[in-house]
Amino acid sequence: MQRWNSLDDVPDGWGPSVVSIGVFDGVHRGHRTILDRAVAAARAQSASSVVVTFDPHPAKVVGRPVPLLLGNLHRRGQLLGEVGIDRMLVLPFTREVSEWTPEEFVQRLLVDRLHAVHIVVGQNFRFGHKQAGDVDLLAKVGDELGFTVEAVTLLSGGDVPVSSTWIRQRIAEGDVAAAATGLGRPYSVDGPVVRGNGRGRPMGYPTANVEVREEMAVPADGVYAGWLIRADGTRLPAAISIGTNPTFDGTERRVEAYVLDVDLDLYGEHVAIEFTDRLRGMVKFDDVDQLVLQMGQDVDVVRRILREAT
């Protein structure tokens, strides 16, 4: 899948396109109901499927609270490509772009550059200055400018639609199993392995301390079963700890993974940590011996969970 980083990257004469628009943070199951329709429509009309997304997050530019992210732009592009999207346009979201009227948004982006013949969006889609445009307005403008609009009903995840907000809430609660149901895959974070305090090795449990970017959603403090995934795709079973190491009166929140049965030098590697299940919350132990005993029990549980999951 090709990525464009501005409107200027779109080749002159590009088109026709079937376009979906949104942040698509996490590319979750709700998003994929929209994206699948866009891919199908593009094939039916012998057009290219294009996703328009934004960087930075629009909330940052207009002064609203910025939600924690479920994935970076690179990961978003990978997932969009897996769905079958042909191109991703990352529109730099500036103050100027935020002030485009709905009509300007359509003309400059969808008509002049992408030559859209069909637009597929969620039923709650809003666009233009102060989010003044909605699906009805988009369809009305489309009638005038020569494209059609399809509004997709949001996928339900029980009592609420599957949304990035719902998934973030599950992650914040440590319910990574529910988050995986909404995402359609296990949740993961990534980053380089950096040096920590080196306490794990003397206790028999050397850990990879993964530096996760602060804008990413990280599960609640606790112990998790999951996988450490190396850059070459190798998946290694892991017991994962998130928290401040309260037994040692730590203050820095960390994501640490103990790879089961293998002692590897991972310093400097960029790895992903994938969460399968939560074992327990974070506990402050009276002494190191109690901590080591609990870690052994945790590893046994992780081993069982991962064995049953494969």
C-alpha atoms as a PDB file:
ATOM      1  CA  MET A   1       0.000   0.000   0.000  1.00  0.00           C
ATOM      2  CA  GLN A   2       1.329   3.434  -0.977  1.00  0.00           C
ATOM      3  CA  ARG A   3       1.325   6.306   1.507  1.00  0.00           C
ATOM      4  CA  TRP A   4       0.940   9.958   0.601  1.00  0.00           C
ATOM      5  CA  ASN A   5       1.985  12.508   3.222  1.00  0.00           C
ATOM      6  CA  SER A   6       0.283  15.570   1.745  1.00  0.00           C
ATOM      7  CA  LEU A   7      -2.130  16.625  -0.967  1.00  0.00           C
ATOM      8  CA  ASP A   8       0.889  17.492  -3.132  1.00  0.00           C
ATOM      9  CA  ASP A   9       1.921  13.826  -3.094  1.00  0.00           C
ATOM     10  CA  VAL A  10      -1.256  12.829  -4.940  1.00  0.00           C
ATOM     11  CA  PRO A  11      -0.292  12.502  -8.619  1.00  0.00           C
ATOM     12  CA  ASP A  12      -1.858  14.927 -11.051  1.00  0.00           C
ATOM     13  CA  GLY A  13      -4.778  13.319 -12.816  1.00  0.00           C
ATOM     14  CA  TRP A  14      -5.259  10.741 -10.082  1.00  0.00           C
ATOM     15  CA  GLY A  15      -8.581   8.988  -9.996  1.00  0.00           C
ATOM     16  CA  PRO A  16     -11.221   7.799  -9.875  1.00  0.00           C
ATOM     17  CA  SER A  17     -11.288   6.995  -6.151  1.00  0.00           C
ATOM     18  CA  VAL A  18     -13.534   5.472  -3.540  1.00  0.00           C
ATOM     19  CA  VAL A  19     -12.641   7.346  -0.361  1.00  0.00           C
ATOM     20  CA  SER A  20     -13.033   6.734   3.358  1.00  0.00           C
ATOM     21  CA  ILE A  21     -12.165   9.485   5.828  1.00  0.00           C
ATOM     22  CA  GLY A  22     -11.287   9.319   9.505  1.00  0.00           C
ATOM     23  CA  VAL A  23      -8.564   8.966  12.112  1.00  0.00           C
ATOM     24  CA  PHE A  24      -9.074   5.173  12.062  1.00  0.00           C
ATOM     25  CA  ASP A  25      -7.087   4.829  15.271  1.00  0.00           C
ATOM     26  CA  GLY A  26      -6.556   1.128  15.894  1.00  0.00           C
ATOM     27  CA  VAL A  27      -8.273   0.055  12.634  1.00  0.00           C
ATOM     28  CA  HIS A  28     -10.696  -1.925  14.780  1.00  0.00           C
ATOM     29  CA  ARG A  29     -13.667  -4.088  13.809  1.00  0.00           C
ATOM     30  CA  GLY A  30     -15.955  -1.060  13.613  1.00  0.00           C
ATOM     31  CA  HIS A  31     -13.569   0.619  11.178  1.00  0.00           C
ATOM     32  CA  ARG A  32     -13.303  -2.519   9.102  1.00  0.00           C
ATOM     33  CA  THR A  33     -17.038  -2.585   8.406  1.00  0.00           C
ATOM     34  CA  ILE A  34     -16.481   0.780   6.710  1.00  0.00           C
ATOM     35  CA  LEU A  35     -13.207  -0.162   5.034  1.00  0.00           C
ATOM     36  CA  ASP A  36     -14.519  -3.458   3.665  1.00  0.00           C
ATOM     37  CA  ARG A  37     -17.367  -1.586   2.002  1.00  0.00           C
ATOM     38  CA  ALA A  38     -14.913   0.903   0.487  1.00  0.00           C
ATOM     39  CA  VAL A  39     -12.713  -1.852  -0.920  1.00  0.00           C
ATOM     40  CA  ALA A  40     -15.720  -3.664  -2.386  1.00  0.00           C
ATOM     41  CA  ALA A  41     -17.106  -0.455  -3.913  1.00  0.00           C
ATOM     42  CA  ALA A  42     -13.736   0.421  -5.448  1.00  0.00           C
ATOM     43  CA  ARG A  43     -13.492  -2.964  -7.113  1.00  0.00           C
ATOM     44  CA  ALA A  44     -17.058  -2.716  -8.406  1.00  0.00           C
ATOM     45  CA  GLN A  45     -16.338   0.685  -9.954  1.00  0.00           C
ATOM     46  CA  SER A  46     -12.811  -0.079 -11.225  1.00  0.00           C
ATOM     47  CA  ALA A  47     -11.504   2.630  -8.938  1.00  0.00           C
ATOM     48  CA  SER A  48      -8.754   2.855  -6.320  1.00  0.00           C
ATOM     49  CA  SER A  49      -9.593   2.733  -2.631  1.00  0.00           C
ATOM     50  CA  VAL A  50      -8.127   5.635  -0.643  1.00  0.00           C
ATOM     51  CA  VAL A  51      -8.214   6.295   3.085  1.00  0.00           C
ATOM     52  CA  VAL A  52      -7.751   9.884   4.246  1.00  0.00           C
ATOM     53  CA  THR A  53      -6.422  10.142   7.779  1.00  0.00           C
ATOM     54  CA  PHE A  54      -4.812  12.961   9.733  1.00  0.00           C
ATOM     55  CA  ASP A  55      -1.590  13.881  11.514  1.00  0.00           C
ATOM     56  CA  PRO A  56      -1.465  15.303  14.087  1.00  0.00           C
ATOM     57  CA  HIS A  57      -4.749  14.230  15.656  1.00  0.00           C
ATOM     58  CA  PRO A  58      -7.335  16.955  14.855  1.00  0.00           C
ATOM     59  CA  ALA A  59      -8.148  17.352  18.552  1.00  0.00           C
ATOM     60  CA  LYS A  60      -4.626  18.658  19.182  1.00  0.00           C
ATOM     61  CA  VAL A  61      -5.010  21.442  16.622  1.00  0.00           C
ATOM     62  CA  VAL A  62      -8.453  22.639  17.716  1.00  0.00           C
ATOM     63  CA  GLY A  63      -7.611  22.622  21.422  1.00  0.00           C
ATOM     64  CA  ARG A  64      -9.565  19.585  22.585  1.00  0.00           C
ATOM     65  CA  PRO A  65      -8.135  16.816  24.784  1.00  0.00           C
ATOM     66  CA  VAL A  66      -6.123  14.407  22.639  1.00  0.00           C
ATOM     67  CA  PRO A  67      -7.011  10.743  23.245  1.00  0.00           C
ATOM     68  CA  LEU A  68      -4.297   8.185  23.812  1.00  0.00           C
ATOM     69  CA  LEU A  69      -3.528   6.370  20.576  1.00  0.00           C
ATOM     70  CA  LEU A  70      -4.109   2.693  19.773  1.00  0.00           C
ATOM     71  CA  GLY A  71      -1.374   2.609  17.140  1.00  0.00           C
ATOM     72  CA  ASN A  72       1.112   4.823  15.308  1.00  0.00           C
ATOM     73  CA  LEU A  73       0.809   5.900  11.677  1.00  0.00           C
ATOM     74  CA  HIS A  74       3.113   3.145  10.456  1.00  0.00           C
ATOM     75  CA  ARG A  75       0.996   0.466  12.129  1.00  0.00           C
ATOM     76  CA  ARG A  76      -2.179   2.126  10.841  1.00  0.00           C
ATOM     77  CA  GLY A  77      -0.839   1.874   7.310  1.00  0.00           C
ATOM     78  CA  GLN A  78       0.026  -1.794   7.768  1.00  0.00           C
ATOM     79  CA  LEU A  79      -3.467  -2.612   8.980  1.00  0.00           C
ATOM     80  CA  LEU A  80      -5.141  -0.622   6.208  1.00  0.00           C
ATOM     81  CA  GLY A  81      -3.049  -2.509   3.678  1.00  0.00           C
ATOM     82  CA  GLU A  82      -4.151  -5.829   5.194  1.00  0.00           C
ATOM     83  CA  VAL A  83      -7.782  -4.786   4.718  1.00  0.00           C
ATOM     84  CA  GLY A  84      -7.083  -4.134   1.035  1.00  0.00           C
ATOM     85  CA  ILE A  85      -6.893  -0.342   0.891  1.00  0.00           C
ATOM     86  CA  ASP A  86      -4.768   0.840  -2.047  1.00  0.00           C
ATOM     87  CA  ARG A  87      -3.569   4.242  -0.783  1.00  0.00           C
ATOM     88  CA  MET A  88      -3.392   6.112   2.522  1.00  0.00           C
ATOM     89  CA  LEU A  89      -3.329   9.907   2.405  1.00  0.00           C
ATOM     90  CA  VAL A  90      -2.005  11.362   5.667  1.00  0.00           C
ATOM     91  CA  LEU A  91      -3.357  14.899   5.541  1.00  0.00           C
ATOM     92  CA  PRO A  92      -1.315  17.294   7.709  1.00  0.00           C
ATOM     93  CA  PHE A  93      -4.017  18.706   9.966  1.00  0.00           C
ATOM     94  CA  THR A  94      -3.142  22.385  10.373  1.00  0.00           C
ATOM     95  CA  ARG A  95      -5.055  25.356  11.695  1.00  0.00           C
ATOM     96  CA  GLU A  96      -5.807  26.285   8.074  1.00  0.00           C
ATOM     97  CA  VAL A  97      -7.269  22.848   7.323  1.00  0.00           C
ATOM     98  CA  SER A  98      -9.359  23.008  10.514  1.00  0.00           C
ATOM     99  CA  GLU A  99     -10.943  26.224   9.210  1.00  0.00           C
ATOM    100  CA  TRP A 100     -12.018  24.824   5.848  1.00  0.00           C
ATOM    101  CA  THR A 101     -15.776  24.970   5.460  1.00  0.00           C
ATOM    102  CA  PRO A 102     -17.452  21.646   4.695  1.00  0.00           C
ATOM    103  CA  GLU A 103     -17.735  22.734   1.063  1.00  0.00           C
ATOM    104  CA  GLU A 104     -14.033  23.634   0.906  1.00  0.00           C
ATOM    105  CA  PHE A 105     -13.125  20.299   2.476  1.00  0.00           C
ATOM    106  CA  VAL A 106     -15.047  18.449  -0.211  1.00  0.00           C
ATOM    107  CA  GLN A 107     -13.802  20.547  -3.108  1.00  0.00           C
ATOM    108  CA  ARG A 108     -10.109  20.718  -2.201  1.00  0.00           C
ATOM    109  CA  LEU A 109      -9.679  17.184  -0.953  1.00  0.00           C
ATOM    110  CA  LEU A 110     -12.280  14.898  -2.464  1.00  0.00           C
ATOM    111  CA  VAL A 111     -12.954  16.512  -5.820  1.00  0.00           C
ATOM    112  CA  ASP A 112      -9.859  18.433  -6.906  1.00  0.00           C
ATOM    113  CA  ARG A 113      -7.213  15.938  -5.739  1.00  0.00           C
ATOM    114  CA  LEU A 114      -8.779  12.507  -5.239  1.00  0.00           C
ATOM    115  CA  HIS A 115     -11.503  12.662  -7.929  1.00  0.00           C
ATOM    116  CA  ALA A 116     -13.862  10.754  -5.684  1.00  0.00           C
ATOM    117  CA  VAL A 117     -16.734   8.856  -7.248  1.00  0.00           C
ATOM    118  CA  HIS A 118     -17.973   7.318  -4.004  1.00  0.00           C
ATOM    119  CA  ILE A 119     -17.458   8.117  -0.299  1.00  0.00           C
ATOM    120  CA  VAL A 120     -17.841   5.530   2.470  1.00  0.00           C
ATOM    121  CA  VAL A 121     -17.979   6.848   6.050  1.00  0.00           C
ATOM    122  CA  GLY A 122     -19.523   6.007   9.398  1.00  0.00           C
ATOM    123  CA  GLN A 123     -23.032   7.254  10.062  1.00  0.00           C
ATOM    124  CA  ASN A 124     -21.733   9.753  12.644  1.00  0.00           C
ATOM    125  CA  PHE A 125     -19.099  11.276  10.330  1.00  0.00           C
ATOM    126  CA  ARG A 126     -18.533  15.035  10.742  1.00  0.00           C
ATOM    127  CA  PHE A 127     -16.235  17.307   8.759  1.00  0.00           C
ATOM    128  CA  GLY A 128     -15.328  20.915   8.066  1.00  0.00           C
ATOM    129  CA  HIS A 129     -14.897  23.905  10.375  1.00  0.00           C
ATOM    130  CA  LYS A 130     -16.319  23.202  13.826  1.00  0.00           C
ATOM    131  CA  GLN A 131     -17.548  19.853  12.418  1.00  0.00           C
ATOM    132  CA  ALA A 132     -20.386  21.667  10.661  1.00  0.00           C
ATOM    133  CA  GLY A 133     -20.734  19.031   7.940  1.00  0.00           C
ATOM    134  CA  ASP A 134     -22.524  15.703   8.369  1.00  0.00           C
ATOM    135  CA  VAL A 135     -23.465  12.773   6.149  1.00  0.00           C
ATOM    136  CA  ASP A 136     -26.603  14.475   4.851  1.00  0.00           C
ATOM    137  CA  LEU A 137     -24.645  17.538   3.765  1.00  0.00           C
ATOM    138  CA  LEU A 138     -21.964  15.353   2.194  1.00  0.00           C
ATOM    139  CA  ALA A 139     -24.612  13.511   0.164  1.00  0.00           C
ATOM    140  CA  LYS A 140     -26.194  16.809  -0.916  1.00  0.00           C
ATOM    141  CA  VAL A 141     -22.866  18.198  -2.104  1.00  0.00           C
ATOM    142  CA  GLY A 142     -22.142  14.876  -3.799  1.00  0.00           C
ATOM    143  CA  ASP A 143     -25.325  15.172  -5.835  1.00  0.00           C
ATOM    144  CA  GLU A 144     -24.043  18.516  -7.113  1.00  0.00           C
ATOM    145  CA  LEU A 145     -20.430  17.481  -7.713  1.00  0.00           C
ATOM    146  CA  GLY A 146     -20.876  13.946  -9.023  1.00  0.00           C
ATOM    147  CA  PHE A 147     -20.119  11.470  -6.263  1.00  0.00           C
ATOM    148  CA  THR A 148     -22.267   9.200  -4.122  1.00  0.00           C
ATOM    149  CA  VAL A 149     -22.166   8.685  -0.371  1.00  0.00           C
ATOM    150  CA  GLU A 150     -22.607   5.550   1.717  1.00  0.00           C
ATOM    151  CA  ALA A 151     -23.066   5.857   5.492  1.00  0.00           C
ATOM    152  CA  VAL A 152     -22.237   2.633   7.351  1.00  0.00           C
ATOM    153  CA  THR A 153     -24.019   1.758  10.590  1.00  0.00           C
ATOM    154  CA  LEU A 154     -21.590   1.459  13.485  1.00  0.00           C
ATOM    155  CA  LEU A 155     -20.792  -2.075  14.585  1.00  0.00           C
ATOM    156  CA  SER A 156     -22.234  -3.008  17.960  1.00  0.00           C
ATOM    157  CA  GLY A 157     -20.071  -4.564  20.662  1.00  0.00           C
ATOM    158  CA  GLY A 158     -22.883  -5.518  23.013  1.00  0.00           C
ATOM    159  CA  ASP A 159     -24.570  -2.502  24.567  1.00  0.00           C
ATOM    160  CA  VAL A 160     -22.362   0.072  22.790  1.00  0.00           C
ATOM    161  CA  PRO A 161     -20.903   0.506  19.296  1.00  0.00           C
ATOM    162  CA  VAL A 162     -17.352  -0.743  18.815  1.00  0.00           C
ATOM    163  CA  SER A 163     -15.314   2.461  18.846  1.00  0.00           C
ATOM    164  CA  SER A 164     -11.794   3.621  19.620  1.00  0.00           C
ATOM    165  CA  THR A 165     -13.138   5.243  22.799  1.00  0.00           C
ATOM    166  CA  TRP A 166     -14.697   1.978  23.981  1.00  0.00           C
ATOM    167  CA  ILE A 167     -11.478   0.068  23.286  1.00  0.00           C
ATOM    168  CA  ARG A 168      -9.356   2.677  25.112  1.00  0.00           C
ATOM    169  CA  GLN A 169     -11.602   2.293  28.143  1.00  0.00           C
ATOM    170  CA  ARG A 170     -11.121  -1.473  28.121  1.00  0.00           C
ATOM    171  CA  ILE A 171      -7.348  -1.048  27.867  1.00  0.00           C
ATOM    172  CA  ALA A 172      -7.318   1.497  30.703  1.00  0.00           C
ATOM    173  CA  GLU A 173      -9.147  -1.065  32.847  1.00  0.00           C
ATOM    174  CA  GLY A 174      -6.666  -3.796  31.925  1.00  0.00           C
ATOM    175  CA  ASP A 175      -9.341  -5.807  30.127  1.00  0.00           C
ATOM    176  CA  VAL A 176      -7.133  -6.697  27.195  1.00  0.00           C
ATOM    177  CA  ALA A 177      -9.359  -9.652  26.266  1.00  0.00           C
ATOM    178  CA  ALA A 178     -12.328  -7.333  25.672  1.00  0.00           C
ATOM    179  CA  ALA A 179     -10.084  -4.881  23.818  1.00  0.00           C
ATOM    180  CA  ALA A 180      -8.981  -7.717  21.537  1.00  0.00           C
ATOM    181  CA  THR A 181     -12.622  -8.530  20.799  1.00  0.00           C
ATOM    182  CA  GLY A 182     -13.215  -4.941  19.697  1.00  0.00           C
ATOM    183  CA  LEU A 183      -9.994  -4.710  17.728  1.00  0.00           C
ATOM    184  CA  GLY A 184     -10.338  -8.101  16.089  1.00  0.00           C
ATOM    185  CA  ARG A 185      -6.786  -8.934  17.235  1.00  0.00           C
ATOM    186  CA  PRO A 186      -4.752  -8.696  20.452  1.00  0.00           C
ATOM    187  CA  TYR A 187      -3.703  -5.222  21.529  1.00  0.00           C
ATOM    188  CA  SER A 188      -0.008  -4.402  21.340  1.00  0.00           C
ATOM    189  CA  VAL A 189       2.437  -1.600  22.057  1.00  0.00           C
ATOM    190  CA  ASP A 190       5.934  -1.211  20.674  1.00  0.00           C
ATOM    191  CA  GLY A 191       9.211   0.554  21.249  1.00  0.00           C
ATOM    192  CA  PRO A 192      12.933   0.074  21.744  1.00  0.00           C
ATOM    193  CA  VAL A 193      14.303  -2.090  24.538  1.00  0.00           C
ATOM    194  CA  VAL A 194      16.200   0.173  26.944  1.00  0.00           C
ATOM    195  CA  ARG A 195      18.170  -0.466  30.102  1.00  0.00           C
ATOM    196  CA  GLY A 196      16.286  -0.466  33.388  1.00  0.00           C
ATOM    197  CA  ASN A 197      17.463  -1.057  36.945  1.00  0.00           C
ATOM    198  CA  GLY A 198      18.657  -4.599  36.259  1.00  0.00           C
ATOM    199  CA  ARG A 199      16.745  -6.102  39.200  1.00  0.00           C
ATOM    200  CA  GLY A 200      15.149  -8.946  37.269  1.00  0.00           C
ATOM    201  CA  ARG A 201      18.260 -10.933  36.335  1.00  0.00           C
ATOM    202  CA  PRO A 202      19.516 -11.510  39.923  1.00  0.00           C
ATOM    203  CA  MET A 203      16.034 -12.793  40.787  1.00  0.00           C
ATOM    204  CA  GLY A 204      16.075 -15.215  37.852  1.00  0.00           C
ATOM    205  CA  TYR A 205      13.683 -13.233  35.681  1.00  0.00           C
ATOM    206  CA  PRO A 206      15.580 -10.903  33.314  1.00  0.00           C
ATOM    207  CA  THR A 207      13.161  -8.513  31.633  1.00  0.00           C
ATOM    208  CA  ALA A 208      13.128  -6.410  28.487  1.00  0.00           C
ATOM    209  CA  ASN A 209      12.222  -2.845  29.454  1.00  0.00           C
ATOM    210  CA  VAL A 210      10.250  -1.472  26.471  1.00  0.00           C
ATOM    211  CA  GLU A 211      10.123   2.295  26.044  1.00  0.00           C
ATOM    212  CA  VAL A 212       6.585   3.060  24.855  1.00  0.00           C
ATOM    213  CA  ARG A 213       5.776   6.521  23.517  1.00  0.00           C
ATOM    214  CA  GLU A 214       3.783   8.539  26.022  1.00  0.00           C
ATOM    215  CA  GLU A 215       0.919   9.230  23.608  1.00  0.00           C
ATOM    216  CA  MET A 216       0.131   5.500  23.329  1.00  0.00           C
ATOM    217  CA  ALA A 217      -2.564   3.737  25.355  1.00  0.00           C
ATOM    218  CA  VAL A 218      -0.945   1.349  27.847  1.00  0.00           C
ATOM    219  CA  PRO A 219      -2.982  -1.223  29.806  1.00  0.00           C
ATOM    220  CA  ALA A 220      -3.633  -0.753  33.520  1.00  0.00           C
ATOM    221  CA  ASP A 221      -0.878  -1.656  35.967  1.00  0.00           C
ATOM    222  CA  GLY A 222      -0.643  -5.383  36.512  1.00  0.00           C
ATOM    223  CA  VAL A 223       0.745  -8.654  35.224  1.00  0.00           C
ATOM    224  CA  TYR A 224      -0.230 -10.018  31.813  1.00  0.00           C
ATOM    225  CA  ALA A 225       0.301 -13.027  29.598  1.00  0.00           C
ATOM    226  CA  GLY A 226       1.383 -12.245  26.084  1.00  0.00           C
ATOM    227  CA  TRP A 227       4.111 -12.231  23.491  1.00  0.00           C
ATOM    228  CA  LEU A 228       7.259 -10.299  22.698  1.00  0.00           C
ATOM    229  CA  ILE A 229       7.530  -9.908  18.923  1.00  0.00           C
ATOM    230  CA  ARG A 230      10.907  -9.148  17.373  1.00  0.00           C
ATOM    231  CA  ALA A 231      11.412  -7.108  14.219  1.00  0.00           C
ATOM    232  CA  ASP A 232      11.792 -10.271  12.123  1.00  0.00           C
ATOM    233  CA  GLY A 233       8.364 -11.482  13.281  1.00  0.00           C
ATOM    234  CA  THR A 234       9.635 -14.027  15.824  1.00  0.00           C
ATOM    235  CA  ARG A 235       7.038 -14.421  18.575  1.00  0.00           C
ATOM    236  CA  LEU A 236       8.313 -15.262  22.040  1.00  0.00           C
ATOM    237  CA  PRO A 237       6.022 -16.159  24.980  1.00  0.00           C
ATOM    238  CA  ALA A 238       6.278 -13.600  27.764  1.00  0.00           C
ATOM    239  CA  ALA A 239       5.090 -12.616  31.218  1.00  0.00           C
ATOM    240  CA  ILE A 240       4.526  -8.865  31.099  1.00  0.00           C
ATOM    241  CA  SER A 241       4.597  -6.431  34.006  1.00  0.00           C
ATOM    242  CA  ILE A 242       3.239  -2.883  33.836  1.00  0.00           C
ATOM    243  CA  GLY A 243       3.719  -0.516  36.738  1.00  0.00           C
ATOM    244  CA  THR A 244       6.199   1.326  38.941  1.00  0.00           C
ATOM    245  CA  ASN A 245       7.762  -1.657  40.747  1.00  0.00           C
ATOM    246  CA  PRO A 246       6.108  -0.746  44.077  1.00  0.00           C
ATOM    247  CA  THR A 247       8.076  -3.369  46.039  1.00  0.00           C
ATOM    248  CA  PHE A 248      11.166  -1.258  45.295  1.00  0.00           C
ATOM    249  CA  ASP A 249       9.325   2.070  45.783  1.00  0.00           C
ATOM    250  CA  GLY A 250       9.685   2.892  42.106  1.00  0.00           C
ATOM    251  CA  THR A 251       8.077   5.974  40.564  1.00  0.00           C
ATOM    252  CA  GLU A 252       8.587   5.463  36.812  1.00  0.00           C
ATOM    253  CA  ARG A 253       5.866   3.491  35.073  1.00  0.00           C
ATOM    254  CA  ARG A 254       7.342   0.778  32.878  1.00  0.00           C
ATOM    255  CA  VAL A 255       6.395  -1.983  30.471  1.00  0.00           C
ATOM    256  CA  GLU A 256       8.662  -4.988  31.093  1.00  0.00           C
ATOM    257  CA  ALA A 257       8.541  -8.426  29.499  1.00  0.00           C
ATOM    258  CA  TYR A 258      10.152 -11.612  30.779  1.00  0.00           C
ATOM    259  CA  VAL A 259      10.612 -13.971  27.850  1.00  0.00           C
ATOM    260  CA  LEU A 260       9.902 -17.488  29.063  1.00  0.00           C
ATOM    261  CA  ASP A 261      12.826 -19.930  29.118  1.00  0.00           C
ATOM    262  CA  VAL A 262      15.126 -17.826  26.915  1.00  0.00           C
ATOM    263  CA  ASP A 263      17.797 -15.330  27.994  1.00  0.00           C
ATOM    264  CA  LEU A 264      18.267 -12.871  25.130  1.00  0.00           C
ATOM    265  CA  ASP A 265      20.199  -9.644  24.741  1.00  0.00           C
ATOM    266  CA  LEU A 266      17.488  -7.410  23.310  1.00  0.00           C
ATOM    267  CA  TYR A 267      18.932  -3.996  24.178  1.00  0.00           C
ATOM    268  CA  GLY A 268      18.417  -1.551  21.345  1.00  0.00           C
ATOM    269  CA  GLU A 269      15.984  -3.758  19.441  1.00  0.00           C
ATOM    270  CA  HIS A 270      12.562  -2.378  18.495  1.00  0.00           C
ATOM    271  CA  VAL A 271       9.994  -4.906  19.682  1.00  0.00           C
ATOM    272  CA  ALA A 272       6.243  -5.181  20.091  1.00  0.00           C
ATOM    273  CA  ILE A 273       4.502  -6.411  23.228  1.00  0.00           C
ATOM    274  CA  GLU A 274       1.208  -8.186  22.546  1.00  0.00           C
ATOM    275  CA  PHE A 275      -1.272  -8.732  25.383  1.00  0.00           C
ATOM    276  CA  THR A 276      -3.322 -11.919  25.668  1.00  0.00           C
ATOM    277  CA  ASP A 277      -4.808 -11.879  29.177  1.00  0.00           C
ATOM    278  CA  ARG A 278      -4.482 -10.151  32.561  1.00  0.00           C
ATOM    279  CA  LEU A 279      -3.450 -12.217  35.559  1.00  0.00           C
ATOM    280  CA  ARG A 280      -3.655  -9.734  38.415  1.00  0.00           C
ATOM    281  CA  GLY A 281      -3.140  -6.171  39.529  1.00  0.00           C
ATOM    282  CA  MET A 282       0.131  -4.729  40.755  1.00  0.00           C
ATOM    283  CA  VAL A 283       1.032  -5.588  44.367  1.00  0.00           C
ATOM    284  CA  LYS A 284       3.647  -4.234  46.778  1.00  0.00           C
ATOM    285  CA  PHE A 285       5.304  -7.163  48.579  1.00  0.00           C
ATOM    286  CA  ASP A 286       6.912  -7.013  52.002  1.00  0.00           C
ATOM    287  CA  ASP A 287      10.199  -8.428  50.742  1.00  0.00           C
ATOM    288  CA  VAL A 288      11.945  -9.670  47.618  1.00  0.00           C
ATOM    289  CA  ASP A 289      11.469 -13.356  48.508  1.00  0.00           C
ATOM    290  CA  GLN A 290       7.683 -12.948  48.396  1.00  0.00           C
ATOM    291  CA  LEU A 291       7.979 -11.155  45.073  1.00  0.00           C
ATOM    292  CA  VAL A 292      10.130 -13.911  43.572  1.00  0.00           C
ATOM    293  CA  LEU A 293       7.678 -16.565  44.783  1.00  0.00           C
ATOM    294  CA  GLN A 294       4.779 -14.715  43.163  1.00  0.00           C
ATOM    295  CA  MET A 295       6.737 -14.226  39.939  1.00  0.00           C
ATOM    296  CA  GLY A 296       7.274 -17.969  39.703  1.00  0.00           C
ATOM    297  CA  GLN A 297       3.559 -18.562  40.141  1.00  0.00           C
ATOM    298  CA  ASP A 298       2.770 -15.884  37.540  1.00  0.00           C
ATOM    299  CA  VAL A 299       5.089 -17.512  35.014  1.00  0.00           C
ATOM    300  CA  ASP A 300       3.365 -20.859  35.526  1.00  0.00           C
ATOM    301  CA  VAL A 301      -0.016 -19.249  34.870  1.00  0.00           C
ATOM    302  CA  VAL A 302       1.281 -17.417  31.802  1.00  0.00           C
ATOM    303  CA  ARG A 303       2.699 -20.641  30.433  1.00  0.00           C
ATOM    304  CA  ARG A 304      -0.677 -22.357  30.837  1.00  0.00           C
ATOM    305  CA  ILE A 305      -2.644 -19.478  29.300  1.00  0.00           C
ATOM    306  CA  LEU A 306      -0.417 -19.272  26.245  1.00  0.00           C
ATOM    307  CA  ARG A 307      -0.351 -23.049  25.800  1.00  0.00           C
ATOM    308  CA  GLU A 308      -4.151 -23.157  25.849  1.00  0.00           C
ATOM    309  CA  ALA A 309      -4.379 -20.234  23.429  1.00  0.00           C
ATOM    310  CA  THR A 310      -2.291 -21.920  20.737  1.00  0.00           C
END
